[in-house]
Amino acid sequence: MKQMMIKALLLAAGMAVATSPALAQNEAAPAAQAAPQSSKQADRALAKAVRRALSKTPGFDVSGVFVKARGGAVTLSGSVKDGSQITQAEEVARSVQGVTSVSNKLTLFHGGNG
């Protein structure tokens, strides 16, 4: 009877040890998912800050400009009505805190329907 009790305890202990790594993986998963979520929020906040800085620039029309940020790298796309605004947009974007690089894909808007 004692041997049977010892075997049962050893079996239970073995099961507990065998399943503990699986439990550890499940507990770590939410933390791993939280990191991309917070970086997405930071990217959105940076893009918003760049757009806000552009909109506060005197004479700059931000309506045709799109701003995307990823890990500090900002991409400007869309079109502006004045060629000087292409370089101006890049300078303003670089001045925003948190921006590490700027890819300027802005083009000059020529008007018309096609």
PDB file of N, CA and C in Angstrom:
ATOM      1  N   MET A   1       0.822  -1.189   0.000  1.00  0.00           N
ATOM      2  CA  MET A   1       0.000   0.000   0.000  1.00  0.00           C
ATOM      3  C   MET A   1       0.868   1.254   0.000  1.00  0.00           C
ATOM      4  N   LYS A   2       1.985   1.200   0.811  1.00  0.00           N
ATOM      5  CA  LYS A   2       2.885   2.340   0.856  1.00  0.00           C
ATOM      6  C   LYS A   2       3.541   2.558  -0.502  1.00  0.00           C
ATOM      7  N   GLN A   3       3.917   1.456  -1.154  1.00  0.00           N
ATOM      8  CA  GLN A   3       4.559   1.571  -2.459  1.00  0.00           C
ATOM      9  C   GLN A   3       3.611   2.190  -3.477  1.00  0.00           C
ATOM     10  N   MET A   4       2.359   1.836  -3.414  1.00  0.00           N
ATOM     11  CA  MET A   4       1.370   2.381  -4.333  1.00  0.00           C
ATOM     12  C   MET A   4       1.185   3.878  -4.091  1.00  0.00           C
ATOM     13  N   MET A   5       1.186   4.298  -2.830  1.00  0.00           N
ATOM     14  CA  MET A   5       1.045   5.705  -2.481  1.00  0.00           C
ATOM     15  C   MET A   5       2.262   6.495  -2.964  1.00  0.00           C
ATOM     16  N   ILE A   6       3.447   5.924  -2.818  1.00  0.00           N
ATOM     17  CA  ILE A   6       4.677   6.580  -3.259  1.00  0.00           C
ATOM     18  C   ILE A   6       4.674   6.723  -4.783  1.00  0.00           C
ATOM     19  N   LYS A   7       4.249   5.683  -5.489  1.00  0.00           N
ATOM     20  CA  LYS A   7       4.175   5.739  -6.945  1.00  0.00           C
ATOM     21  C   LYS A   7       3.184   6.811  -7.399  1.00  0.00           C
ATOM     22  N   ALA A   8       2.063   6.904  -6.712  1.00  0.00           N
ATOM     23  CA  ALA A   8       1.059   7.907  -7.065  1.00  0.00           C
ATOM     24  C   ALA A   8       1.608   9.318  -6.849  1.00  0.00           C
ATOM     25  N   LEU A   9       2.334   9.525  -5.748  1.00  0.00           N
ATOM     26  CA  LEU A   9       2.932  10.829  -5.474  1.00  0.00           C
ATOM     27  C   LEU A   9       3.996  11.175  -6.512  1.00  0.00           C
ATOM     28  N   LEU A  10       4.824  10.191  -6.861  1.00  0.00           N
ATOM     29  CA  LEU A  10       5.848  10.423  -7.874  1.00  0.00           C
ATOM     30  C   LEU A  10       5.224  10.741  -9.234  1.00  0.00           C
ATOM     31  N   LEU A  11       4.157  10.046  -9.566  1.00  0.00           N
ATOM     32  CA  LEU A  11       3.456  10.299 -10.816  1.00  0.00           C
ATOM     33  C   LEU A  11       2.873  11.715 -10.830  1.00  0.00           C
ATOM     34  N   ALA A  12       2.269  12.109  -9.726  1.00  0.00           N
ATOM     35  CA  ALA A  12       1.691  13.452  -9.629  1.00  0.00           C
ATOM     36  C   ALA A  12       2.780  14.521  -9.716  1.00  0.00           C
ATOM     37  N   ALA A  13       3.902  14.282  -9.045  1.00  0.00           N
ATOM     38  CA  ALA A  13       5.014  15.238  -9.089  1.00  0.00           C
ATOM     39  C   ALA A  13       5.573  15.332 -10.508  1.00  0.00           C
ATOM     40  N   GLY A  14       5.690  14.199 -11.175  1.00  0.00           N
ATOM     41  CA  GLY A  14       6.185  14.186 -12.555  1.00  0.00           C
ATOM     42  C   GLY A  14       5.267  14.944 -13.496  1.00  0.00           C
ATOM     43  N   MET A  15       3.976  14.792 -13.318  1.00  0.00           N
ATOM     44  CA  MET A  15       3.001  15.506 -14.145  1.00  0.00           C
ATOM     45  C   MET A  15       3.099  17.012 -13.914  1.00  0.00           C
ATOM     46  N   ALA A  16       3.275  17.406 -12.660  1.00  0.00           N
ATOM     47  CA  ALA A  16       3.374  18.828 -12.335  1.00  0.00           C
ATOM     48  C   ALA A  16       4.603  19.448 -12.982  1.00  0.00           C
ATOM     49  N   VAL A  17       5.718  18.740 -12.936  1.00  0.00           N
ATOM     50  CA  VAL A  17       6.954  19.243 -13.540  1.00  0.00           C
ATOM     51  C   VAL A  17       6.817  19.292 -15.060  1.00  0.00           C
ATOM     52  N   ALA A  18       6.190  18.296 -15.647  1.00  0.00           N
ATOM     53  CA  ALA A  18       6.059  18.226 -17.099  1.00  0.00           C
ATOM     54  C   ALA A  18       5.154  19.327 -17.646  1.00  0.00           C
ATOM     55  N   THR A  19       4.145  19.735 -16.906  1.00  0.00           N
ATOM     56  CA  THR A  19       3.216  20.749 -17.413  1.00  0.00           C
ATOM     57  C   THR A  19       3.625  22.169 -17.058  1.00  0.00           C
ATOM     58  N   SER A  20       4.580  22.356 -16.170  1.00  0.00           N
ATOM     59  CA  SER A  20       4.948  23.718 -15.775  1.00  0.00           C
ATOM     60  C   SER A  20       5.541  24.541 -16.918  1.00  0.00           C
ATOM     61  N   PRO A  21       6.348  23.990 -17.854  1.00  0.00           N
ATOM     62  CA  PRO A  21       6.812  24.816 -18.976  1.00  0.00           C
ATOM     63  C   PRO A  21       5.661  25.303 -19.859  1.00  0.00           C
ATOM     64  N   ALA A  22       4.650  24.487 -20.041  1.00  0.00           N
ATOM     65  CA  ALA A  22       3.502  24.900 -20.842  1.00  0.00           C
ATOM     66  C   ALA A  22       2.771  26.053 -20.171  1.00  0.00           C
ATOM     67  N   LEU A  23       2.642  25.998 -18.874  1.00  0.00           N
ATOM     68  CA  LEU A  23       2.005  27.092 -18.150  1.00  0.00           C
ATOM     69  C   LEU A  23       2.842  28.356 -18.243  1.00  0.00           C
ATOM     70  N   ALA A  24       4.137  28.227 -18.165  1.00  0.00           N
ATOM     71  CA  ALA A  24       5.019  29.390 -18.253  1.00  0.00           C
ATOM     72  C   ALA A  24       4.889  30.055 -19.620  1.00  0.00           C
ATOM     73  N   GLN A  25       4.740  29.267 -20.683  1.00  0.00           N
ATOM     74  CA  GLN A  25       4.576  29.836 -22.017  1.00  0.00           C
ATOM     75  C   GLN A  25       3.285  30.627 -22.112  1.00  0.00           C
ATOM     76  N   ASN A  26       2.210  30.111 -21.588  1.00  0.00           N
ATOM     77  CA  ASN A  26       0.928  30.797 -21.657  1.00  0.00           C
ATOM     78  C   ASN A  26       0.939  32.088 -20.872  1.00  0.00           C
ATOM     79  N   GLU A  27       1.649  32.125 -19.750  1.00  0.00           N
ATOM     80  CA  GLU A  27       1.693  33.337 -18.949  1.00  0.00           C
ATOM     81  C   GLU A  27       2.539  34.405 -19.615  1.00  0.00           C
ATOM     82  N   ALA A  28       3.539  34.034 -20.386  1.00  0.00           N
ATOM     83  CA  ALA A  28       4.412  34.999 -21.045  1.00  0.00           C
ATOM     84  C   ALA A  28       3.783  35.550 -22.322  1.00  0.00           C
ATOM     85  N   ALA A  29       2.848  34.853 -22.908  1.00  0.00           N
ATOM     86  CA  ALA A  29       2.260  35.273 -24.173  1.00  0.00           C
ATOM     87  C   ALA A  29       1.616  36.655 -24.111  1.00  0.00           C
ATOM     88  N   PRO A  30       0.820  37.000 -23.093  1.00  0.00           N
ATOM     89  CA  PRO A  30       0.244  38.346 -23.072  1.00  0.00           C
ATOM     90  C   PRO A  30       1.303  39.441 -23.036  1.00  0.00           C
ATOM     91  N   ALA A  31       2.412  39.217 -22.373  1.00  0.00           N
ATOM     92  CA  ALA A  31       3.475  40.217 -22.329  1.00  0.00           C
ATOM     93  C   ALA A  31       4.081  40.401 -23.711  1.00  0.00           C
ATOM     94  N   ALA A  32       4.233  39.311 -24.455  1.00  0.00           N
ATOM     95  CA  ALA A  32       4.788  39.401 -25.796  1.00  0.00           C
ATOM     96  C   ALA A  32       3.834  40.139 -26.730  1.00  0.00           C
ATOM     97  N   GLN A  33       2.542  39.981 -26.542  1.00  0.00           N
ATOM     98  CA  GLN A  33       1.564  40.667 -27.373  1.00  0.00           C
ATOM     99  C   GLN A  33       1.445  42.133 -26.997  1.00  0.00           C
ATOM    100  N   ALA A  34       1.750  42.494 -25.765  1.00  0.00           N
ATOM    101  CA  ALA A  34       1.636  43.879 -25.316  1.00  0.00           C
ATOM    102  C   ALA A  34       2.696  44.756 -25.965  1.00  0.00           C
ATOM    103  N   ALA A  35       3.876  44.216 -26.241  1.00  0.00           N
ATOM    104  CA  ALA A  35       4.951  45.015 -26.830  1.00  0.00           C
ATOM    105  C   ALA A  35       4.568  45.559 -28.209  1.00  0.00           C
ATOM    106  N   PRO A  36       4.070  44.733 -29.143  1.00  0.00           N
ATOM    107  CA  PRO A  36       3.671  45.291 -30.433  1.00  0.00           C
ATOM    108  C   PRO A  36       2.541  46.311 -30.302  1.00  0.00           C
ATOM    109  N   GLN A  37       1.640  46.092 -29.375  1.00  0.00           N
ATOM    110  CA  GLN A  37       0.537  47.025 -29.163  1.00  0.00           C
ATOM    111  C   GLN A  37       1.065  48.389 -28.755  1.00  0.00           C
ATOM    112  N   SER A  38       2.028  48.414 -27.819  1.00  0.00           N
ATOM    113  CA  SER A  38       2.552  49.694 -27.358  1.00  0.00           C
ATOM    114  C   SER A  38       3.389  50.365 -28.440  1.00  0.00           C
ATOM    115  N   SER A  39       4.083  49.592 -29.285  1.00  0.00           N
ATOM    116  CA  SER A  39       4.849  50.213 -30.362  1.00  0.00           C
ATOM    117  C   SER A  39       3.913  50.782 -31.426  1.00  0.00           C
ATOM    118  N   LYS A  40       2.780  50.144 -31.660  1.00  0.00           N
ATOM    119  CA  LYS A  40       1.788  50.691 -32.588  1.00  0.00           C
ATOM    120  C   LYS A  40       1.266  52.022 -32.070  1.00  0.00           C
ATOM    121  N   GLN A  41       1.007  52.077 -30.773  1.00  0.00           N
ATOM    122  CA  GLN A  41       0.524  53.324 -30.182  1.00  0.00           C
ATOM    123  C   GLN A  41       1.575  54.415 -30.294  1.00  0.00           C
ATOM    124  N   ALA A  42       2.834  54.064 -30.071  1.00  0.00           N
ATOM    125  CA  ALA A  42       3.920  55.044 -30.180  1.00  0.00           C
ATOM    126  C   ALA A  42       4.055  55.527 -31.624  1.00  0.00           C
ATOM    127  N   ASP A  43       3.927  54.616 -32.585  1.00  0.00           N
ATOM    128  CA  ASP A  43       4.005  54.994 -33.997  1.00  0.00           C
ATOM    129  C   ASP A  43       2.868  55.943 -34.367  1.00  0.00           C
ATOM    130  N   ARG A  44       1.661  55.635 -33.902  1.00  0.00           N
ATOM    131  CA  ARG A  44       0.520  56.512 -34.182  1.00  0.00           C
ATOM    132  C   ARG A  44       0.718  57.891 -33.569  1.00  0.00           C
ATOM    133  N   ALA A  45       1.221  57.914 -32.345  1.00  0.00           N
ATOM    134  CA  ALA A  45       1.445  59.187 -31.660  1.00  0.00           C
ATOM    135  C   ALA A  45       2.504  60.014 -32.387  1.00  0.00           C
ATOM    136  N   LEU A  46       3.558  59.372 -32.873  1.00  0.00           N
ATOM    137  CA  LEU A  46       4.607  60.092 -33.592  1.00  0.00           C
ATOM    138  C   LEU A  46       4.072  60.645 -34.912  1.00  0.00           C
ATOM    139  N   ALA A  47       3.325  59.844 -35.648  1.00  0.00           N
ATOM    140  CA  ALA A  47       2.744  60.309 -36.912  1.00  0.00           C
ATOM    141  C   ALA A  47       1.822  61.498 -36.663  1.00  0.00           C
ATOM    142  N   LYS A  48       1.064  61.424 -35.597  1.00  0.00           N
ATOM    143  CA  LYS A  48       0.152  62.515 -35.248  1.00  0.00           C
ATOM    144  C   LYS A  48       0.931  63.780 -34.888  1.00  0.00           C
ATOM    145  N   ALA A  49       2.042  63.622 -34.179  1.00  0.00           N
ATOM    146  CA  ALA A  49       2.866  64.773 -33.799  1.00  0.00           C
ATOM    147  C   ALA A  49       3.480  65.435 -35.033  1.00  0.00           C
ATOM    148  N   VAL A  50       3.917  64.631 -35.998  1.00  0.00           N
ATOM    149  CA  VAL A  50       4.481  65.182 -37.233  1.00  0.00           C
ATOM    150  C   VAL A  50       3.399  65.918 -38.009  1.00  0.00           C
ATOM    151  N   ARG A  51       2.232  65.321 -38.131  1.00  0.00           N
ATOM    152  CA  ARG A  51       1.125  65.964 -38.855  1.00  0.00           C
ATOM    153  C   ARG A  51       0.731  67.273 -38.179  1.00  0.00           C
ATOM    154  N   ARG A  52       0.703  67.267 -36.846  1.00  0.00           N
ATOM    155  CA  ARG A  52       0.367  68.479 -36.096  1.00  0.00           C
ATOM    156  C   ARG A  52       1.406  69.575 -36.363  1.00  0.00           C
ATOM    157  N   ALA A  53       2.686  69.196 -36.371  1.00  0.00           N
ATOM    158  CA  ALA A  53       3.751  70.171 -36.641  1.00  0.00           C
ATOM    159  C   ALA A  53       3.617  70.739 -38.054  1.00  0.00           C
ATOM    160  N   LEU A  54       3.282  69.892 -39.012  1.00  0.00           N
ATOM    161  CA  LEU A  54       3.084  70.370 -40.380  1.00  0.00           C
ATOM    162  C   LEU A  54       1.899  71.327 -40.462  1.00  0.00           C
ATOM    163  N   SER A  55       0.823  71.001 -39.762  1.00  0.00           N
ATOM    164  CA  SER A  55      -0.373  71.851 -39.822  1.00  0.00           C
ATOM    165  C   SER A  55      -0.151  73.208 -39.159  1.00  0.00           C
ATOM    166  N   LYS A  56       0.802  73.281 -38.235  1.00  0.00           N
ATOM    167  CA  LYS A  56       1.100  74.550 -37.565  1.00  0.00           C
ATOM    168  C   LYS A  56       2.133  75.383 -38.322  1.00  0.00           C
ATOM    169  N   THR A  57       2.673  74.831 -39.398  1.00  0.00           N
ATOM    170  CA  THR A  57       3.652  75.560 -40.201  1.00  0.00           C
ATOM    171  C   THR A  57       2.911  76.581 -41.061  1.00  0.00           C
ATOM    172  N   PRO A  58       3.260  77.868 -40.926  1.00  0.00           N
ATOM    173  CA  PRO A  58       2.558  78.913 -41.686  1.00  0.00           C
ATOM    174  C   PRO A  58       2.626  78.676 -43.197  1.00  0.00           C
ATOM    175  N   GLY A  59       1.466  78.721 -43.850  1.00  0.00           N
ATOM    176  CA  GLY A  59       1.380  78.581 -45.294  1.00  0.00           C
ATOM    177  C   GLY A  59       1.459  77.160 -45.814  1.00  0.00           C
ATOM    178  N   PHE A  60       1.555  76.183 -44.921  1.00  0.00           N
ATOM    179  CA  PHE A  60       1.664  74.790 -45.361  1.00  0.00           C
ATOM    180  C   PHE A  60       0.286  74.149 -45.378  1.00  0.00           C
ATOM    181  N   ASP A  61      -0.103  73.611 -46.544  1.00  0.00           N
ATOM    182  CA  ASP A  61      -1.391  72.926 -46.683  1.00  0.00           C
ATOM    183  C   ASP A  61      -1.174  71.431 -46.481  1.00  0.00           C
ATOM    184  N   VAL A  62      -1.656  70.915 -45.346  1.00  0.00           N
ATOM    185  CA  VAL A  62      -1.416  69.526 -44.968  1.00  0.00           C
ATOM    186  C   VAL A  62      -2.499  68.577 -45.499  1.00  0.00           C
ATOM    187  N   SER A  63      -3.491  69.123 -46.198  1.00  0.00           N
ATOM    188  CA  SER A  63      -4.647  68.306 -46.592  1.00  0.00           C
ATOM    189  C   SER A  63      -4.297  67.139 -47.515  1.00  0.00           C
ATOM    190  N   GLY A  64      -3.263  67.262 -48.330  1.00  0.00           N
ATOM    191  CA  GLY A  64      -2.905  66.170 -49.236  1.00  0.00           C
ATOM    192  C   GLY A  64      -1.713  65.351 -48.777  1.00  0.00           C
ATOM    193  N   VAL A  65      -1.316  65.541 -47.514  1.00  0.00           N
ATOM    194  CA  VAL A  65      -0.114  64.880 -46.997  1.00  0.00           C
ATOM    195  C   VAL A  65      -0.498  63.747 -46.055  1.00  0.00           C
ATOM    196  N   PHE A  66       0.135  62.607 -46.233  1.00  0.00           N
ATOM    197  CA  PHE A  66      -0.077  61.451 -45.364  1.00  0.00           C
ATOM    198  C   PHE A  66       1.218  61.167 -44.620  1.00  0.00           C
ATOM    199  N   VAL A  67       1.094  60.889 -43.326  1.00  0.00           N
ATOM    200  CA  VAL A  67       2.265  60.646 -42.482  1.00  0.00           C
ATOM    201  C   VAL A  67       2.151  59.256 -41.881  1.00  0.00           C
ATOM    202  N   LYS A  68       3.218  58.463 -42.048  1.00  0.00           N
ATOM    203  CA  LYS A  68       3.269  57.127 -41.455  1.00  0.00           C
ATOM    204  C   LYS A  68       4.557  57.034 -40.646  1.00  0.00           C
ATOM    205  N   ALA A  69       4.479  56.439 -39.464  1.00  0.00           N
ATOM    206  CA  ALA A  69       5.665  56.287 -38.619  1.00  0.00           C
ATOM    207  C   ALA A  69       5.811  54.837 -38.200  1.00  0.00           C
ATOM    208  N   ARG A  70       7.065  54.412 -38.122  1.00  0.00           N
ATOM    209  CA  ARG A  70       7.345  53.050 -37.646  1.00  0.00           C
ATOM    210  C   ARG A  70       8.715  53.048 -36.976  1.00  0.00           C
ATOM    211  N   GLY A  71       8.695  52.925 -35.673  1.00  0.00           N
ATOM    212  CA  GLY A  71       9.937  52.866 -34.910  1.00  0.00           C
ATOM    213  C   GLY A  71      10.806  54.105 -35.056  1.00  0.00           C
ATOM    214  N   GLY A  72      10.200  55.262 -35.200  1.00  0.00           N
ATOM    215  CA  GLY A  72      10.946  56.511 -35.339  1.00  0.00           C
ATOM    216  C   GLY A  72      11.184  56.921 -36.782  1.00  0.00           C
ATOM    217  N   ALA A  73      11.015  55.991 -37.713  1.00  0.00           N
ATOM    218  CA  ALA A  73      11.178  56.298 -39.140  1.00  0.00           C
ATOM    219  C   ALA A  73       9.850  56.812 -39.681  1.00  0.00           C
ATOM    220  N   VAL A  74       9.873  58.008 -40.250  1.00  0.00           N
ATOM    221  CA  VAL A  74       8.654  58.650 -40.744  1.00  0.00           C
ATOM    222  C   VAL A  74       8.664  58.647 -42.268  1.00  0.00           C
ATOM    223  N   THR A  75       7.510  58.329 -42.859  1.00  0.00           N
ATOM    224  CA  THR A  75       7.343  58.398 -44.306  1.00  0.00           C
ATOM    225  C   THR A  75       6.280  59.434 -44.617  1.00  0.00           C
ATOM    226  N   LEU A  76       6.639  60.389 -45.463  1.00  0.00           N
ATOM    227  CA  LEU A  76       5.700  61.405 -45.935  1.00  0.00           C
ATOM    228  C   LEU A  76       5.295  61.027 -47.352  1.00  0.00           C
ATOM    229  N   SER A  77       3.998  61.011 -47.621  1.00  0.00           N
ATOM    230  CA  SER A  77       3.528  60.713 -48.971  1.00  0.00           C
ATOM    231  C   SER A  77       2.347  61.617 -49.282  1.00  0.00           C
ATOM    232  N   GLY A  78       1.942  61.598 -50.543  1.00  0.00           N
ATOM    233  CA  GLY A  78       0.853  62.465 -50.967  1.00  0.00           C
ATOM    234  C   GLY A  78       1.389  63.576 -51.845  1.00  0.00           C
ATOM    235  N   SER A  79       0.656  64.692 -51.897  1.00  0.00           N
ATOM    236  CA  SER A  79       1.084  65.785 -52.763  1.00  0.00           C
ATOM    237  C   SER A  79       0.869  67.134 -52.094  1.00  0.00           C
ATOM    238  N   VAL A  80       1.670  68.091 -52.546  1.00  0.00           N
ATOM    239  CA  VAL A  80       1.568  69.477 -52.076  1.00  0.00           C
ATOM    240  C   VAL A  80       1.434  70.371 -53.303  1.00  0.00           C
ATOM    241  N   LYS A  81       0.910  71.583 -53.111  1.00  0.00           N
ATOM    242  CA  LYS A  81       0.648  72.483 -54.238  1.00  0.00           C
ATOM    243  C   LYS A  81       1.849  73.338 -54.610  1.00  0.00           C
ATOM    244  N   ASP A  82       2.820  73.433 -53.709  1.00  0.00           N
ATOM    245  CA  ASP A  82       4.003  74.260 -53.946  1.00  0.00           C
ATOM    246  C   ASP A  82       5.250  73.396 -53.762  1.00  0.00           C
ATOM    247  N   GLY A  83       6.146  73.418 -54.736  1.00  0.00           N
ATOM    248  CA  GLY A  83       7.343  72.585 -54.698  1.00  0.00           C
ATOM    249  C   GLY A  83       8.217  72.819 -53.483  1.00  0.00           C
ATOM    250  N   SER A  84       8.243  74.050 -52.971  1.00  0.00           N
ATOM    251  CA  SER A  84       9.075  74.343 -51.799  1.00  0.00           C
ATOM    252  C   SER A  84       8.568  73.628 -50.549  1.00  0.00           C
ATOM    253  N   GLN A  85       7.291  73.252 -50.575  1.00  0.00           N
ATOM    254  CA  GLN A  85       6.718  72.566 -49.414  1.00  0.00           C
ATOM    255  C   GLN A  85       7.219  71.125 -49.287  1.00  0.00           C
ATOM    256  N   ILE A  86       7.763  70.571 -50.349  1.00  0.00           N
ATOM    257  CA  ILE A  86       8.291  69.204 -50.288  1.00  0.00           C
ATOM    258  C   ILE A  86       9.480  69.161 -49.335  1.00  0.00           C
ATOM    259  N   THR A  87      10.431  70.062 -49.522  1.00  0.00           N
ATOM    260  CA  THR A  87      11.592  70.099 -48.620  1.00  0.00           C
ATOM    261  C   THR A  87      11.209  70.648 -47.255  1.00  0.00           C
ATOM    262  N   GLN A  88      10.272  71.597 -47.239  1.00  0.00           N
ATOM    263  CA  GLN A  88       9.826  72.163 -45.964  1.00  0.00           C
ATOM    264  C   GLN A  88       9.201  71.080 -45.084  1.00  0.00           C
ATOM    265  N   ALA A  89       8.404  70.207 -45.678  1.00  0.00           N
ATOM    266  CA  ALA A  89       7.757  69.134 -44.921  1.00  0.00           C
ATOM    267  C   ALA A  89       8.791  68.209 -44.298  1.00  0.00           C
ATOM    268  N   GLU A  90       9.835  67.903 -45.053  1.00  0.00           N
ATOM    269  CA  GLU A  90      10.886  67.030 -44.533  1.00  0.00           C
ATOM    270  C   GLU A  90      11.617  67.693 -43.362  1.00  0.00           C
ATOM    271  N   GLU A  91      11.913  68.979 -43.493  1.00  0.00           N
ATOM    272  CA  GLU A  91      12.595  69.706 -42.415  1.00  0.00           C
ATOM    273  C   GLU A  91      11.746  69.741 -41.146  1.00  0.00           C
ATOM    274  N   VAL A  92      10.458  70.001 -41.317  1.00  0.00           N
ATOM    275  CA  VAL A  92       9.553  70.050 -40.164  1.00  0.00           C
ATOM    276  C   VAL A  92       9.466  68.675 -39.513  1.00  0.00           C
ATOM    277  N   ALA A  93       9.341  67.631 -40.319  1.00  0.00           N
ATOM    278  CA  ALA A  93       9.243  66.266 -39.779  1.00  0.00           C
ATOM    279  C   ALA A  93      10.498  65.904 -38.994  1.00  0.00           C
ATOM    280  N   ARG A  94      11.670  66.250 -39.522  1.00  0.00           N
ATOM    281  CA  ARG A  94      12.932  65.948 -38.827  1.00  0.00           C
ATOM    282  C   ARG A  94      13.038  66.670 -37.488  1.00  0.00           C
ATOM    283  N   SER A  95      12.362  67.803 -37.358  1.00  0.00           N
ATOM    284  CA  SER A  95      12.453  68.590 -36.125  1.00  0.00           C
ATOM    285  C   SER A  95      11.578  68.044 -34.996  1.00  0.00           C
ATOM    286  N   VAL A  96      10.693  67.114 -35.303  1.00  0.00           N
ATOM    287  CA  VAL A  96       9.793  66.558 -34.291  1.00  0.00           C
ATOM    288  C   VAL A  96      10.554  65.550 -33.435  1.00  0.00           C
ATOM    289  N   GLN A  97      10.399  65.693 -32.131  1.00  0.00           N
ATOM    290  CA  GLN A  97      11.087  64.796 -31.199  1.00  0.00           C
ATOM    291  C   GLN A  97      10.634  63.352 -31.411  1.00  0.00           C
ATOM    292  N   GLY A  98      11.595  62.439 -31.504  1.00  0.00           N
ATOM    293  CA  GLY A  98      11.297  61.022 -31.694  1.00  0.00           C
ATOM    294  C   GLY A  98      11.514  60.551 -33.117  1.00  0.00           C
ATOM    295  N   VAL A  99      11.627  61.491 -34.060  1.00  0.00           N
ATOM    296  CA  VAL A  99      11.853  61.124 -35.457  1.00  0.00           C
ATOM    297  C   VAL A  99      13.330  60.805 -35.648  1.00  0.00           C
ATOM    298  N   THR A 100      13.608  59.607 -36.162  1.00  0.00           N
ATOM    299  CA  THR A 100      14.998  59.196 -36.393  1.00  0.00           C
ATOM    300  C   THR A 100      15.393  59.305 -37.861  1.00  0.00           C
ATOM    301  N   SER A 101      14.419  59.179 -38.763  1.00  0.00           N
ATOM    302  CA  SER A 101      14.694  59.329 -40.195  1.00  0.00           C
ATOM    303  C   SER A 101      13.404  59.717 -40.906  1.00  0.00           C
ATOM    304  N   VAL A 102      13.569  60.318 -42.095  1.00  0.00           N
ATOM    305  CA  VAL A 102      12.405  60.736 -42.882  1.00  0.00           C
ATOM    306  C   VAL A 102      12.578  60.253 -44.317  1.00  0.00           C
ATOM    307  N   SER A 103      11.565  59.560 -44.818  1.00  0.00           N
ATOM    308  CA  SER A 103      11.503  59.176 -46.224  1.00  0.00           C
ATOM    309  C   SER A 103      10.457  60.083 -46.863  1.00  0.00           C
ATOM    310  N   ASN A 104      10.908  60.966 -47.736  1.00  0.00           N
ATOM    311  CA  ASN A 104      10.018  61.965 -48.321  1.00  0.00           C
ATOM    312  C   ASN A 104       9.567  61.510 -49.704  1.00  0.00           C
ATOM    313  N   LYS A 105       8.321  61.090 -49.796  1.00  0.00           N
ATOM    314  CA  LYS A 105       7.753  60.637 -51.065  1.00  0.00           C
ATOM    315  C   LYS A 105       6.687  61.610 -51.565  1.00  0.00           C
ATOM    316  N   LEU A 106       6.757  62.852 -51.103  1.00  0.00           N
ATOM    317  CA  LEU A 106       5.794  63.860 -51.527  1.00  0.00           C
ATOM    318  C   LEU A 106       6.025  64.224 -52.991  1.00  0.00           C
ATOM    319  N   THR A 107       4.941  64.522 -53.687  1.00  0.00           N
ATOM    320  CA  THR A 107       5.019  64.952 -55.078  1.00  0.00           C
ATOM    321  C   THR A 107       4.307  66.286 -55.223  1.00  0.00           C
ATOM    322  N   LEU A 108       4.540  66.924 -56.348  1.00  0.00           N
ATOM    323  CA  LEU A 108       3.910  68.203 -56.636  1.00  0.00           C
ATOM    324  C   LEU A 108       2.550  67.953 -57.271  1.00  0.00           C
ATOM    325  N   PHE A 109       1.522  68.565 -56.716  1.00  0.00           N
ATOM    326  CA  PHE A 109       0.161  68.431 -57.228  1.00  0.00           C
ATOM    327  C   PHE A 109       0.023  69.329 -58.453  1.00  0.00           C
ATOM    328  N   HIS A 110      -0.409  68.746 -59.569  1.00  0.00           N
ATOM    329  CA  HIS A 110      -0.530  69.514 -60.811  1.00  0.00           C
ATOM    330  C   HIS A 110      -1.964  69.916 -61.110  1.00  0.00           C
ATOM    331  N   GLY A 111      -2.920  69.474 -60.318  1.00  0.00           N
ATOM    332  CA  GLY A 111      -4.315  69.834 -60.533  1.00  0.00           C
ATOM    333  C   GLY A 111      -4.964  68.965 -61.587  1.00  0.00           C
ATOM    334  N   GLY A 112      -6.203  69.254 -61.858  1.00  0.00           N
ATOM    335  CA  GLY A 112      -6.932  68.503 -62.868  1.00  0.00           C
ATOM    336  C   GLY A 112      -7.617  67.280 -62.292  1.00  0.00           C
ATOM    337  N   ASN A 113      -8.316  66.571 -63.145  1.00  0.00           N
ATOM    338  CA  ASN A 113      -9.081  65.397 -62.720  1.00  0.00           C
ATOM    339  C   ASN A 113      -8.421  64.089 -63.129  1.00  0.00           C
ATOM    340  N   GLY A 114      -7.277  64.092 -63.659  1.00  0.00           N
ATOM    341  CA  GLY A 114      -6.715  62.828 -64.079  1.00  0.00           C
ATOM    342  C   GLY A 114      -5.320  62.964 -64.432  1.00  0.00           C
TER     343      GLY A 114
END
